[in-house]
Protein backbone atom coordinates (compact mmCIF):
# COMPACT_ATOMS: atom_id res chain seq x y z
CA MET A 1 -0.02 -0.02 0.03
CA ASN A 2 2.81 2.48 0.89
CA LYS A 3 4.56 1.70 -2.32
CA LEU A 4 1.46 2.46 -4.29
CA PHE A 5 1.00 5.73 -2.48
CA PHE A 6 4.61 6.69 -3.12
CA LEU A 7 4.33 5.80 -6.85
CA PHE A 8 1.17 7.98 -7.12
CA ALA A 9 2.89 10.95 -5.32
CA LEU A 10 5.92 10.54 -7.53
CA ILE A 11 3.81 10.63 -10.76
CA ASN A 12 1.77 13.66 -9.62
CA SER A 13 4.86 15.57 -8.62
CA LYS A 14 6.15 15.21 -12.21
CA LYS A 15 3.09 17.00 -13.64
CA ILE A 16 4.00 20.55 -14.42
CA LYS A 17 1.34 23.23 -14.39
CA PHE A 18 1.52 26.19 -16.60
CA ILE A 19 -0.49 29.36 -15.58
CA LYS A 20 -0.50 31.90 -18.22
CA ASN A 21 0.54 35.48 -17.20
CA VAL A 22 1.54 34.46 -13.62
CA ASP A 23 4.77 36.49 -13.84
CA TYR A 24 2.98 39.75 -14.92
CA PRO A 25 1.74 42.36 -12.52
CA SER A 26 -1.96 42.79 -11.97
CA CYS A 27 -3.54 46.09 -12.92
CA LYS A 28 -5.49 46.47 -9.74
CA ASN A 29 -2.19 46.87 -7.94
CA CYS A 30 -1.05 49.75 -9.99
CA ILE A 31 -1.05 53.45 -9.23
CA TYR A 32 -2.87 54.12 -12.52
CA TYR A 33 -5.71 51.77 -11.87
CA LYS A 34 -9.09 53.49 -11.60
CA PRO A 35 -11.83 51.10 -10.28
CA SER A 36 -15.19 51.47 -11.86
CA LEU A 37 -17.73 53.26 -9.65
CA SER A 38 -20.59 51.64 -11.42
CA SER A 39 -19.42 48.21 -9.97
CA LEU A 40 -19.11 47.10 -6.32
CA ASP A 41 -16.19 44.92 -7.38
CA PHE A 42 -12.84 46.64 -7.02
CA ASP A 43 -11.37 44.55 -9.81
CA SER A 44 -14.17 44.94 -12.25
CA THR A 45 -13.66 44.58 -16.04
CA LEU A 46 -15.13 48.07 -16.33
CA SER A 47 -12.20 49.68 -14.57
CA LYS A 48 -10.04 52.13 -16.37
CA CYS A 49 -6.27 53.13 -16.58
CA GLU A 50 -5.39 56.74 -15.74
CA LYS A 51 -2.14 56.34 -17.77
CA PHE A 52 -3.95 56.12 -21.12
CA GLY A 53 -6.95 58.09 -22.43
CA LYS A 54 -8.04 60.98 -24.65
CA LYS A 55 -8.81 64.57 -23.76
CA ASN A 56 -11.64 66.38 -25.41
CA ILE A 57 -9.95 69.63 -26.53
CA ILE A 58 -13.21 71.63 -26.20
CA SER A 59 -14.48 70.42 -22.79
CA GLU A 60 -11.12 69.36 -21.42
CA GLU A 61 -12.78 66.18 -20.14
CA ILE A 62 -10.49 63.08 -20.15
CA THR A 63 -11.85 59.72 -21.14
CA TYR A 64 -9.62 56.89 -19.86
CA ASP A 65 -9.11 53.65 -21.58
CA TYR A 66 -10.30 50.30 -20.06
CA VAL A 67 -7.49 48.40 -18.41
CA GLU A 68 -8.20 45.28 -20.47
CA SER A 69 -7.62 47.21 -23.76
CA CYS A 70 -4.39 48.72 -22.33
CA ARG A 71 -3.06 45.26 -21.54
CA ASP A 72 -4.05 43.92 -24.93
CA ASP A 73 -2.23 46.76 -26.75
CA LYS A 74 1.43 46.54 -27.18
CA GLU A 75 1.69 50.25 -27.85
CA LYS A 76 0.30 50.85 -24.40
CA CYS A 77 1.02 48.73 -21.36
CA GLY A 78 0.94 45.39 -23.11
CA ILE A 79 0.56 42.08 -21.46
CA GLU A 80 3.81 42.51 -19.60
CA GLY A 81 2.60 45.76 -17.89
CA LYS A 82 5.49 47.82 -18.87
CA TYR A 83 4.18 51.10 -17.26
CA PHE A 84 3.15 49.24 -14.08
CA GLU A 85 3.93 51.18 -10.84
CA GLU A 86 2.96 49.51 -7.57
CA GLU A 87 0.29 51.17 -5.44
CA SER A 88 1.62 51.52 -1.88
CA ASN A 89 -1.69 52.15 -0.30
CA ILE A 90 -3.77 49.47 -2.02
CA ARG A 91 -5.86 48.71 1.04
CA LEU A 92 -6.85 52.42 1.41
CA LYS A 93 -7.70 52.53 -2.24
CA ILE A 94 -10.00 49.44 -1.92
CA ILE A 95 -11.76 50.86 1.18
CA LYS A 96 -12.26 54.23 -0.57
CA HIS A 97 -13.82 52.38 -3.62
CA GLN A 98 -16.04 50.40 -1.43
CA ILE A 99 -17.39 53.51 0.39
CA ILE A 100 -17.90 55.58 -2.85
CA SER A 101 -19.43 52.74 -4.83
CA LYS A 102 -21.86 51.94 -2.00
CA GLY A 103 -22.60 55.67 -1.39
CA PRO A 104 -26.04 55.67 -2.88
CA TYR A 105 -27.11 52.60 -0.77
CA LEU A 106 -25.65 54.12 2.39
CA GLY A 107 -27.38 57.44 1.75
CA PHE A 108 -30.70 55.67 1.27
CA ILE A 109 -30.10 53.63 4.61
CA LEU A 110 -29.27 56.78 6.49
CA PHE A 111 -32.34 58.59 5.15
CA TYR A 112 -34.59 55.63 6.13
CA ILE A 113 -33.15 55.42 9.58
CA THR A 114 -33.55 59.18 10.10
CA TYR A 115 -37.13 58.90 8.92
CA ILE A 116 -37.93 56.11 11.40
CA ILE A 117 -36.33 58.01 14.21
CA LEU A 118 -38.30 61.14 13.48
CA SER A 119 -41.42 59.05 13.15
CA LEU A 120 -40.92 57.50 16.59
CA ASN A 121 -40.37 60.86 18.20
CA LYS A 122 -43.82 62.09 17.14
């Protein structure tokens, strides 16, 4: 029985797994990563990159490119993330996103609690 287990363990240890892009940095850890406010997920596919975009020359509004398109484009960041700069305060950035993206819900809850409190005081 021990020989069979040893043989099985030896065979499985020889299997090599290849995970694509494992050596490349993740956009969500970059200083240029701008999480989507329309999504509660910090790492949404709707997130944008503040390194690349287009400025409207009349209104001066900047439209940022989606992170996925920046990583697919060799002229921009590319799959290797050549303009990646690590965000030192990633936890703070995530908390800020969670507060802002849930803002409308929190506002409604606070309004409802205030309404209940005022109704009870009458």
